[in-house]
Amino acid sequence: MKLQRVGYVAGIALTATLALTACGSDNEATPSAGGASAANANCVAGQITAQGSSAQKNAMDEWIKAYQGQCADAKIGYEGTGSGAGIQAFIAGTADFAGSDSALKEEEQPQADAKCAGGQALNLPMVIGPIAVVYNLDGVDGLQFSPETLAGIFAGKVTKWDDAKIKADNPSAKLPSTAIQSVHRSDESGTTDNFTKYLSKTAESVWTFGNAKAWKAPGGTGAAKSDGVATQVKGTAGTISYVELSFAENSDLKMAKIKNGAGEYAELTGESAGKTIAGAKIAGTGNDLKLSIDYATKEAGAYPIVLVTYEIACSKGSAKAAAIKGFLSYTASTGGQQALAELGYAPLPETVRAKVETAVAAIA
């Protein structure tokens, strides 16, 4: 089920009215004529090494290609090692900035700050991406799940495709009695952190494993990185997993509808994802733009499983501050963001984008 691009862009436009309150919160694409290649880069020479979130790797590939196409003396490398590995590399000093599908945790913040002489490590939202629940079940299309059923599947309590709980969500579906094979990320991942946060917020009585970058529940099969998960589901009948929209689309995977807090089974579209993002709040202070997402949103038509990918970068004190500032200014630009809609991501709403642009401009 391919997401229609026009509908996606139109849906994301709805997020332009995003309510923000400072409550103290591997696949390369060719740039389109109106995408990242159309933006004017503020070129800064230098070499940057970055790593982290594989969820944003397709976006990074596009941005790097377009930026380096305009800036011959800029060399940027980004490796999709996973969010946890990216943050640890930043803390260890082997990555100039990190990509992460979740903001720095309380215990990580001081370690990351220590790498920023006289400054702090900022959480800069750069990519919005819905998390698709994908499955491979021959002859069965249009599945839908409540949070409780989904939590039961990934907790290993719902083990057959014709389980009564799945039937209750899908009364007209012809479900086989075959075993469910759940697939999760084997590496530490912000996608896992966001997905398990969704389960813990919406199905607390069933999902008792909390949320973390590392998978905590027993059973299931692990696969490395986002493309590994997509490949595993694509090639194995009876599987179900969670993966970012761009990877689900690239592998042409079936995507389930998810029951939201309003009691509706919402299809993953630009409009439905945008409705959830519209409820996000800023949980950080100053130029730290960490967001808080309401996974139990009761907004009618909202698709509730979304993530925000952050760039973790020093506000000041990095030896490569100028080069980092040049590149991130490009990714946060209107042109850079416009390219994301062509890759299965959501451009930042303008109110958020402007705040990110301001924060990046202050990097020293």
Protein backbone atom coordinates (compact mmCIF):
# COMPACT_ATOMS: atom_id res chain seq x y z
CA MET A 1 0.00 0.00 0.00
CA LYS A 2 1.87 3.03 -1.26
CA LEU A 3 1.27 6.37 0.37
CA GLN A 4 0.11 8.90 -2.20
CA ARG A 5 2.60 11.77 -2.29
CA VAL A 6 0.09 14.51 -3.03
CA GLY A 7 -2.05 13.43 -0.12
CA TYR A 8 1.00 13.18 2.08
CA VAL A 9 2.16 16.73 1.34
CA ALA A 10 -1.37 18.04 1.79
CA GLY A 11 -1.68 16.25 5.09
CA ILE A 12 1.59 17.57 6.41
CA ALA A 13 0.46 21.07 5.52
CA LEU A 14 -2.11 20.68 8.26
CA THR A 15 0.69 20.58 10.79
CA ALA A 16 1.62 24.17 10.04
CA THR A 17 -0.56 25.14 12.99
CA LEU A 18 1.40 22.87 15.34
CA ALA A 19 0.71 23.84 18.93
CA LEU A 20 4.06 24.30 20.64
CA THR A 21 4.41 25.22 24.27
CA ALA A 22 7.73 25.66 26.03
CA CYS A 23 6.86 23.49 28.96
CA GLY A 24 10.44 23.42 29.79
CA SER A 25 9.57 18.78 25.93
CA ASP A 26 19.54 2.52 2.69
CA ASN A 27 18.13 3.82 -0.02
CA GLU A 28 19.28 6.76 -2.07
CA ALA A 29 16.74 8.91 -3.90
CA THR A 30 17.18 11.31 -6.76
CA PRO A 31 16.28 14.86 -5.75
CA SER A 32 13.29 16.32 -7.52
CA ALA A 33 13.21 19.72 -9.12
CA GLY A 34 11.53 21.21 -6.06
CA GLY A 35 13.46 19.16 -3.53
CA ALA A 36 16.72 19.54 -1.69
CA SER A 37 18.66 20.26 -4.88
CA ALA A 38 16.60 23.42 -5.37
CA ALA A 39 17.67 24.90 -2.02
CA ASN A 40 20.59 27.30 -1.80
CA ALA A 41 23.27 25.96 0.51
CA ASN A 42 25.45 28.12 2.70
CA CYS A 43 28.58 26.17 1.84
CA VAL A 44 31.18 25.55 4.52
CA ALA A 45 34.30 23.56 3.69
CA GLY A 46 35.25 20.71 5.94
CA GLN A 47 34.74 17.03 6.68
CA ILE A 48 32.01 15.77 9.02
CA THR A 49 31.59 12.24 10.29
CA ALA A 50 28.16 11.40 11.69
CA GLN A 51 26.17 8.29 12.51
CA GLY A 52 23.07 7.03 14.23
CA SER A 53 19.41 6.60 13.30
CA SER A 54 18.84 4.33 10.33
CA ALA A 55 15.29 5.72 10.18
CA GLN A 56 16.65 9.00 8.85
CA LYS A 57 19.32 7.51 6.60
CA ASN A 58 17.28 7.94 3.42
CA ALA A 59 16.80 11.60 4.29
CA MET A 60 20.50 12.01 5.09
CA ASP A 61 21.50 10.35 1.82
CA GLU A 62 19.37 12.87 -0.07
CA TRP A 63 20.63 15.86 1.88
CA ILE A 64 24.28 14.85 1.61
CA LYS A 65 24.04 14.29 -2.13
CA ALA A 66 22.37 17.64 -2.70
CA TYR A 67 24.59 19.62 -0.31
CA GLN A 68 27.84 18.18 -1.63
CA GLY A 69 26.55 18.76 -5.14
CA GLN A 70 26.57 22.48 -4.39
CA CYS A 71 29.48 22.53 -1.94
CA ALA A 72 32.48 20.78 -3.49
CA ASP A 73 34.71 21.35 -0.45
CA ALA A 74 32.23 19.82 2.00
CA LYS A 75 32.54 16.15 2.81
CA ILE A 76 29.83 14.59 4.95
CA GLY A 77 29.62 10.96 5.89
CA TYR A 78 26.60 9.47 7.65
CA GLU A 79 26.36 5.83 8.70
CA GLY A 80 23.03 4.34 9.80
CA THR A 81 24.36 2.44 12.80
CA GLY A 82 21.23 2.92 14.91
CA SER A 83 20.27 5.62 17.39
CA GLY A 84 21.95 4.05 20.40
CA ALA A 85 25.22 3.56 18.58
CA GLY A 86 25.08 7.11 17.24
CA ILE A 87 24.66 8.66 20.67
CA GLN A 88 27.46 6.55 22.10
CA ALA A 89 29.71 7.57 19.20
CA PHE A 90 28.93 11.24 19.89
CA ILE A 91 29.72 10.77 23.58
CA ALA A 92 32.94 8.92 22.68
CA GLY A 93 33.96 11.70 20.31
CA THR A 94 33.96 9.54 17.18
CA ALA A 95 30.91 11.24 15.65
CA ASP A 96 30.69 14.98 15.05
CA PHE A 97 26.93 14.83 15.44
CA ALA A 98 24.48 11.98 15.97
CA GLY A 99 21.09 11.09 14.56
CA SER A 100 18.58 9.67 17.03
CA ASP A 101 14.92 8.71 16.90
CA SER A 102 14.55 9.78 20.52
CA ALA A 103 15.97 12.70 22.46
CA LEU A 104 18.88 12.26 24.85
CA LYS A 105 17.85 10.54 28.04
CA GLU A 106 18.47 12.14 31.42
CA GLU A 107 21.51 9.98 32.08
CA GLU A 108 22.93 10.60 28.58
CA GLN A 109 22.61 14.39 28.62
CA PRO A 110 25.57 15.19 30.94
CA GLN A 111 27.82 12.76 29.06
CA ALA A 112 26.91 14.41 25.78
CA ASP A 113 27.25 17.91 27.27
CA ALA A 114 30.80 17.05 28.31
CA LYS A 115 31.74 16.91 24.62
CA CYS A 116 30.60 20.51 24.10
CA ALA A 117 33.17 22.85 25.63
CA GLY A 118 31.24 25.69 27.23
CA GLY A 119 27.99 24.54 25.62
CA GLN A 120 25.41 21.77 25.70
CA ALA A 121 24.26 18.94 23.46
CA LEU A 122 21.08 20.03 21.70
CA ASN A 123 18.17 17.84 20.57
CA LEU A 124 17.26 19.30 17.17
CA PRO A 125 14.17 17.72 15.54
CA MET A 126 14.93 17.36 11.86
CA VAL A 127 12.77 14.55 10.41
CA ILE A 128 9.22 13.47 11.19
CA GLY A 129 8.39 9.91 10.27
CA PRO A 130 5.37 7.73 10.99
CA ILE A 131 6.11 4.20 12.18
CA ALA A 132 4.23 1.67 10.09
CA VAL A 133 3.06 -1.65 11.50
CA VAL A 134 3.92 -3.97 8.61
CA TYR A 135 3.00 -7.59 8.02
CA ASN A 136 3.34 -10.40 5.50
CA LEU A 137 0.25 -12.59 5.45
CA ASP A 138 -0.74 -14.20 2.17
CA GLY A 139 -4.24 -13.35 1.01
CA VAL A 140 -4.97 -11.01 3.91
CA ASP A 141 -5.08 -7.27 3.30
CA GLY A 142 -6.32 -4.32 5.30
CA LEU A 143 -5.58 -5.61 8.79
CA GLN A 144 -6.18 -3.32 11.74
CA PHE A 145 -5.08 -3.51 15.35
CA SER A 146 -6.03 -2.02 18.68
CA PRO A 147 -3.13 -1.08 20.99
CA GLU A 148 -3.98 -3.99 23.28
CA THR A 149 -3.88 -6.52 20.45
CA LEU A 150 -0.66 -5.09 19.10
CA ALA A 151 0.91 -5.17 22.55
CA GLY A 152 -0.21 -8.77 23.00
CA ILE A 153 1.41 -9.80 19.73
CA PHE A 154 4.78 -8.23 20.50
CA ALA A 155 4.66 -9.39 24.12
CA GLY A 156 4.28 -12.98 22.91
CA LYS A 157 0.78 -13.39 24.35
CA VAL A 158 -1.05 -13.45 21.00
CA THR A 159 0.66 -16.15 18.98
CA LYS A 160 -1.73 -17.22 16.19
CA TRP A 161 -3.09 -15.14 13.36
CA ASP A 162 -6.63 -16.36 14.07
CA ASP A 163 -6.46 -15.41 17.75
CA ALA A 164 -9.76 -14.08 19.11
CA LYS A 165 -8.25 -10.66 19.78
CA ILE A 166 -7.14 -10.24 16.16
CA LYS A 167 -10.54 -11.50 15.00
CA ALA A 168 -12.24 -8.89 17.18
CA ASP A 169 -10.26 -6.15 15.45
CA ASN A 170 -10.85 -7.72 12.03
CA PRO A 171 -14.29 -9.39 12.05
CA SER A 172 -14.54 -9.77 8.28
CA ALA A 173 -10.99 -11.00 7.64
CA LYS A 174 -10.25 -14.64 6.78
CA LEU A 175 -7.37 -15.31 9.16
CA PRO A 176 -5.20 -18.43 8.98
CA SER A 177 -4.31 -20.47 12.06
CA THR A 178 -0.59 -20.12 11.38
CA ALA A 179 1.88 -18.87 13.96
CA ILE A 180 2.71 -15.19 14.19
CA GLN A 181 6.39 -14.38 13.78
CA SER A 182 7.08 -10.99 15.32
CA VAL A 183 10.21 -9.15 14.22
CA HIS A 184 11.96 -6.45 16.23
CA ARG A 185 15.15 -4.44 15.94
CA SER A 186 18.18 -6.37 17.21
CA ASP A 187 20.26 -3.19 17.60
CA GLU A 188 19.49 -0.29 19.90
CA SER A 189 17.06 1.92 18.07
CA GLY A 190 15.07 5.07 18.64
CA THR A 191 12.38 3.46 16.49
CA THR A 192 12.09 0.71 19.09
CA ASP A 193 12.09 3.34 21.83
CA ASN A 194 9.20 5.21 20.19
CA PHE A 195 7.25 2.06 19.33
CA THR A 196 7.54 0.63 22.85
CA LYS A 197 6.71 4.04 24.29
CA TYR A 198 3.52 3.94 22.23
CA LEU A 199 2.70 0.47 23.59
CA SER A 200 3.47 1.45 27.17
CA LYS A 201 1.31 4.59 26.93
CA THR A 202 -1.68 2.97 25.23
CA ALA A 203 -1.72 -0.66 26.47
CA GLU A 204 -0.08 -0.52 29.88
CA SER A 205 -1.94 -3.55 31.24
CA VAL A 206 -0.64 -5.75 28.41
CA TRP A 207 2.75 -4.23 27.64
CA THR A 208 4.77 -4.47 30.86
CA PHE A 209 8.25 -3.90 29.42
CA GLY A 210 8.36 -0.12 29.41
CA ASN A 211 10.20 1.68 26.63
CA ALA A 212 13.85 1.61 25.64
CA LYS A 213 16.10 1.64 22.61
CA ALA A 214 16.91 -2.02 23.25
CA TRP A 215 14.12 -4.59 22.78
CA LYS A 216 13.04 -5.98 26.19
CA ALA A 217 10.23 -8.43 25.48
CA PRO A 218 10.91 -12.17 25.17
CA GLY A 219 10.61 -14.10 21.92
CA GLY A 220 10.39 -12.80 18.40
CA THR A 221 13.15 -12.49 15.83
CA GLY A 222 15.68 -9.66 15.78
CA ALA A 223 16.84 -7.91 12.61
CA ALA A 224 19.49 -5.24 12.34
CA LYS A 225 18.54 -1.71 11.35
CA SER A 226 15.47 -0.53 9.48
CA ASP A 227 16.36 -2.10 6.15
CA GLY A 228 17.03 -5.42 7.89
CA VAL A 229 13.57 -5.39 9.45
CA ALA A 230 11.92 -4.57 6.12
CA THR A 231 13.88 -7.33 4.37
CA GLN A 232 12.95 -9.87 7.05
CA VAL A 233 9.24 -9.10 6.78
CA LYS A 234 9.30 -8.98 2.99
CA GLY A 235 10.90 -12.40 2.75
CA THR A 236 9.13 -14.29 5.54
CA ALA A 237 5.45 -15.26 5.51
CA GLY A 238 3.51 -14.81 8.74
CA THR A 239 5.67 -11.95 10.03
CA ILE A 240 4.72 -8.65 11.64
CA SER A 241 6.96 -5.77 12.66
CA TYR A 242 7.35 -2.01 12.97
CA VAL A 243 9.43 0.13 10.64
CA GLU A 244 9.57 3.70 9.40
CA LEU A 245 7.26 4.59 6.55
CA SER A 246 10.01 5.16 3.99
CA PHE A 247 11.34 1.63 4.48
CA ALA A 248 7.85 0.13 4.40
CA GLU A 249 7.17 1.89 1.11
CA ASN A 250 10.51 1.01 -0.43
CA SER A 251 9.82 -2.67 0.28
CA ASP A 252 6.14 -2.41 -0.71
CA LEU A 253 4.99 -3.89 2.60
CA LYS A 254 1.40 -4.14 3.80
CA MET A 255 0.65 -1.55 6.49
CA ALA A 256 -2.01 -1.98 9.17
CA LYS A 257 -4.53 0.54 10.44
CA ILE A 258 -4.08 1.42 14.12
CA LYS A 259 -6.80 2.24 16.65
CA ASN A 260 -6.32 5.68 18.17
CA GLY A 261 -7.54 7.23 21.41
CA ALA A 262 -10.75 8.32 19.71
CA GLY A 263 -11.59 4.66 19.02
CA GLU A 264 -11.02 4.85 15.27
CA TYR A 265 -8.82 2.56 13.19
CA ALA A 266 -6.68 5.13 11.41
CA GLU A 267 -4.89 4.51 8.14
CA LEU A 268 -1.35 5.81 7.81
CA THR A 269 -1.58 8.93 5.65
CA GLY A 270 0.02 12.34 5.72
CA GLU A 271 -3.12 13.86 7.18
CA SER A 272 -3.50 11.24 9.91
CA ALA A 273 0.15 11.43 10.97
CA GLY A 274 0.00 15.22 10.89
CA LYS A 275 -2.91 15.24 13.31
CA THR A 276 -0.81 13.45 15.94
CA ILE A 277 2.18 15.72 15.40
CA ALA A 278 -0.14 18.70 15.79
CA GLY A 279 -0.46 17.79 19.46
CA ALA A 280 3.28 17.75 20.14
CA LYS A 281 4.78 20.08 22.74
CA ILE A 282 8.32 21.27 23.34
CA ALA A 283 9.72 19.66 26.47
CA GLY A 284 13.18 21.21 26.19
CA THR A 285 14.26 24.75 27.05
CA GLY A 286 15.98 27.42 25.00
CA ASN A 287 17.46 25.95 21.81
CA ASP A 288 16.97 22.40 23.06
CA LEU A 289 13.89 21.42 21.07
CA LYS A 290 13.00 18.01 22.48
CA LEU A 291 9.34 17.21 21.67
CA SER A 292 6.70 15.38 23.67
CA ILE A 293 4.20 13.37 21.60
CA ASP A 294 0.76 12.27 22.81
CA TYR A 295 0.59 8.65 21.63
CA ALA A 296 -2.90 8.30 23.10
CA THR A 297 -4.22 11.24 21.11
CA LYS A 298 -7.99 11.46 20.85
CA GLU A 299 -7.83 13.67 17.78
CA ALA A 300 -10.30 12.25 15.26
CA GLY A 301 -8.55 10.49 12.38
CA ALA A 302 -5.07 10.67 13.93
CA TYR A 303 -2.55 7.90 13.25
CA PRO A 304 -0.84 7.58 16.64
CA ILE A 305 2.54 5.91 16.03
CA VAL A 306 4.97 8.60 14.90
CA LEU A 307 8.56 9.46 15.69
CA VAL A 308 10.75 12.52 15.47
CA THR A 309 14.35 12.07 14.44
CA TYR A 310 16.78 14.45 16.12
CA GLU A 311 20.26 15.60 15.30
CA ILE A 312 22.32 15.67 18.50
CA ALA A 313 24.85 18.49 18.12
CA CYS A 314 26.81 20.86 20.34
CA SER A 315 25.44 24.37 20.84
CA LYS A 316 29.10 25.42 20.98
CA GLY A 317 32.49 23.94 21.65
CA SER A 318 32.77 21.52 18.74
CA ALA A 319 35.98 21.71 16.72
CA LYS A 320 33.84 21.34 13.57
CA ALA A 321 31.11 23.76 14.60
CA ALA A 322 31.24 25.80 11.37
CA ALA A 323 30.93 22.76 9.09
CA ILE A 324 28.16 21.23 11.23
CA LYS A 325 26.31 24.54 11.28
CA GLY A 326 26.59 24.86 7.50
CA PHE A 327 25.19 21.41 6.80
CA LEU A 328 22.42 21.48 9.43
CA SER A 329 21.38 24.95 8.25
CA TYR A 330 20.80 23.30 4.89
CA THR A 331 18.80 20.35 6.27
CA ALA A 332 16.63 22.73 8.32
CA SER A 333 16.02 25.03 5.36
CA THR A 334 12.67 25.17 3.60
CA GLY A 335 14.17 23.57 0.48
CA GLY A 336 15.89 20.83 2.43
CA GLN A 337 12.69 19.98 4.24
CA GLN A 338 10.60 19.97 1.07
CA ALA A 339 12.64 17.07 -0.26
CA LEU A 340 11.45 14.81 2.57
CA ALA A 341 7.92 14.45 1.21
CA GLU A 342 9.42 12.69 -1.82
CA LEU A 343 11.09 10.12 0.41
CA GLY A 344 8.27 9.00 2.70
CA TYR A 345 9.01 11.47 5.49
CA ALA A 346 7.16 14.51 6.77
CA PRO A 347 8.66 17.99 6.43
CA LEU A 348 8.84 19.87 9.70
CA PRO A 349 5.84 22.15 10.23
CA GLU A 350 6.95 25.73 9.64
CA THR A 351 6.60 26.73 13.30
CA VAL A 352 9.01 23.94 14.27
CA ARG A 353 11.31 24.41 11.28
CA ALA A 354 11.81 28.07 12.12
CA LYS A 355 12.79 27.21 15.71
CA VAL A 356 15.26 24.58 14.48
CA GLU A 357 16.73 27.04 11.99
CA THR A 358 17.22 29.59 14.78
CA ALA A 359 18.87 27.01 17.04
CA VAL A 360 21.24 25.90 14.29
CA ALA A 361 22.12 29.52 13.45
CA ALA A 362 23.25 29.97 17.06
CA ILE A 363 25.77 27.09 16.92
CA ALA A 364 29.25 28.44 17.63
